[in-house]
């Protein structure tokens, strides 16, 4: 039985995955802002705290604009990527806490 709002197991003291999943859904960034900032390729990733990924997208899209259809397509993918990376609650957990892992909490 899980008590509402409990974050640790009463018997063993292990963190409850449900509490971690709830916390993972409350990300400190806004997906729409990340997508809107991607009007400049990579700026949405920079907003998300991923500067190297942002720089990679910026340079990649900049080079791809040499072939117009490819540049536009990569720019849209960049915006979608900035808005969606890491939104999965399971991926936001530390590896040992992910369901099915053989980490310390399994």
Protein backbone atom coordinates (compact mmCIF):
# COMPACT_ATOMS: atom_id res chain seq x y z
CA UNK A 1 0.00 0.00 0.00
CA UNK A 2 1.33 3.43 -0.95
CA UNK A 3 0.41 6.36 1.24
CA UNK A 4 -0.48 9.46 -0.76
CA UNK A 5 2.45 11.87 -0.81
CA UNK A 6 4.92 9.28 0.52
CA UNK A 7 8.36 9.49 -1.03
CA UNK A 8 10.06 6.58 0.80
CA UNK A 9 9.12 2.99 1.57
CA UNK A 10 8.11 2.49 5.24
CA UNK A 11 9.80 -0.91 5.41
CA UNK A 12 13.11 -0.46 3.59
CA UNK A 13 13.51 3.30 3.20
CA UNK A 14 13.97 3.10 -0.58
CA UNK A 15 12.69 6.04 -2.64
CA UNK A 16 9.36 5.38 -4.32
CA UNK A 17 9.46 5.48 -8.11
CA UNK A 18 6.01 7.09 -8.27
CA UNK A 19 7.32 10.11 -6.35
CA UNK A 20 10.28 10.40 -8.70
CA UNK A 21 8.01 10.15 -11.73
CA UNK A 22 5.81 12.92 -10.34
CA UNK A 23 8.82 15.14 -9.77
CA UNK A 24 10.20 14.37 -13.23
CA UNK A 25 7.01 15.68 -14.84
CA UNK A 26 7.57 19.07 -13.20
CA UNK A 27 10.47 20.17 -15.40
CA UNK A 28 11.90 23.62 -14.79
CA UNK A 29 11.61 24.67 -18.43
CA UNK A 30 8.74 25.36 -20.77
CA UNK A 31 8.61 23.32 -24.00
CA UNK A 32 6.84 26.11 -25.93
CA UNK A 33 9.51 28.62 -24.95
CA UNK A 34 12.24 26.20 -26.05
CA UNK A 35 10.51 25.74 -29.43
CA UNK A 36 9.96 29.49 -29.87
CA UNK A 37 13.58 30.28 -29.04
CA UNK A 38 14.61 27.85 -31.76
CA UNK A 39 13.78 30.54 -34.31
CA UNK A 40 17.56 30.86 -33.96
CA UNK A 41 18.75 27.26 -34.37
CA UNK A 42 20.18 25.90 -31.13
CA UNK A 43 18.89 28.67 -28.86
CA UNK A 44 16.13 26.41 -27.52
CA UNK A 45 18.75 23.83 -26.58
CA UNK A 46 20.83 26.54 -24.89
CA UNK A 47 17.72 27.53 -22.90
CA UNK A 48 17.36 23.87 -21.87
CA UNK A 49 20.91 23.88 -20.49
CA UNK A 50 22.46 21.89 -23.33
CA UNK A 51 25.00 24.32 -24.82
CA UNK A 52 27.02 21.81 -26.86
CA UNK A 53 23.90 20.35 -28.42
CA UNK A 54 22.73 23.89 -29.19
CA UNK A 55 26.03 24.75 -30.83
CA UNK A 56 25.86 21.54 -32.86
CA UNK A 57 22.35 22.31 -34.07
CA UNK A 58 23.31 25.91 -34.87
CA UNK A 59 26.29 24.88 -36.98
CA UNK A 60 24.46 21.97 -38.60
CA UNK A 61 21.44 24.04 -39.62
CA UNK A 62 23.70 26.88 -40.76
CA UNK A 63 25.58 24.53 -43.10
CA UNK A 64 22.34 22.85 -44.24
CA UNK A 65 20.88 26.18 -45.35
CA UNK A 66 23.29 25.84 -48.31
CA UNK A 67 20.78 23.29 -49.64
CA UNK A 68 17.52 25.22 -48.98
CA UNK A 69 15.03 22.39 -48.48
CA UNK A 70 17.39 20.53 -46.14
CA UNK A 71 18.07 23.65 -44.07
CA UNK A 72 14.38 24.32 -43.48
CA UNK A 73 13.70 20.70 -42.57
CA UNK A 74 16.60 20.55 -40.10
CA UNK A 75 15.49 23.86 -38.58
CA UNK A 76 12.03 22.41 -37.85
CA UNK A 77 13.58 19.24 -36.42
CA UNK A 78 15.82 21.39 -34.22
CA UNK A 79 12.82 23.27 -32.80
CA UNK A 80 10.91 20.04 -32.15
CA UNK A 81 13.96 18.50 -30.54
CA UNK A 82 14.46 21.45 -28.19
CA UNK A 83 10.85 21.19 -27.06
CA UNK A 84 10.84 17.43 -26.52
CA UNK A 85 14.22 16.17 -25.31
CA UNK A 86 13.98 14.65 -21.86
CA UNK A 87 10.27 15.12 -21.39
CA UNK A 88 9.84 11.41 -20.76
CA UNK A 89 9.55 10.96 -16.99
CA UNK A 90 11.43 7.65 -17.12
CA UNK A 91 14.40 9.25 -18.91
CA UNK A 92 14.49 12.00 -16.29
CA UNK A 93 15.19 9.48 -13.54
CA UNK A 94 18.71 8.49 -12.60
CA UNK A 95 19.67 5.22 -14.38
CA UNK A 96 19.49 3.15 -11.18
CA UNK A 97 15.92 4.32 -10.51
CA UNK A 98 14.53 3.50 -13.96
CA UNK A 99 12.02 0.66 -14.04
CA UNK A 100 13.64 -2.57 -15.16
CA UNK A 101 17.20 -1.47 -14.33
CA UNK A 102 19.48 -3.59 -12.19
CA UNK A 103 20.57 -0.57 -10.15
CA UNK A 104 20.65 -0.13 -6.40
CA UNK A 105 16.87 0.27 -6.08
CA UNK A 106 15.87 -2.86 -7.95
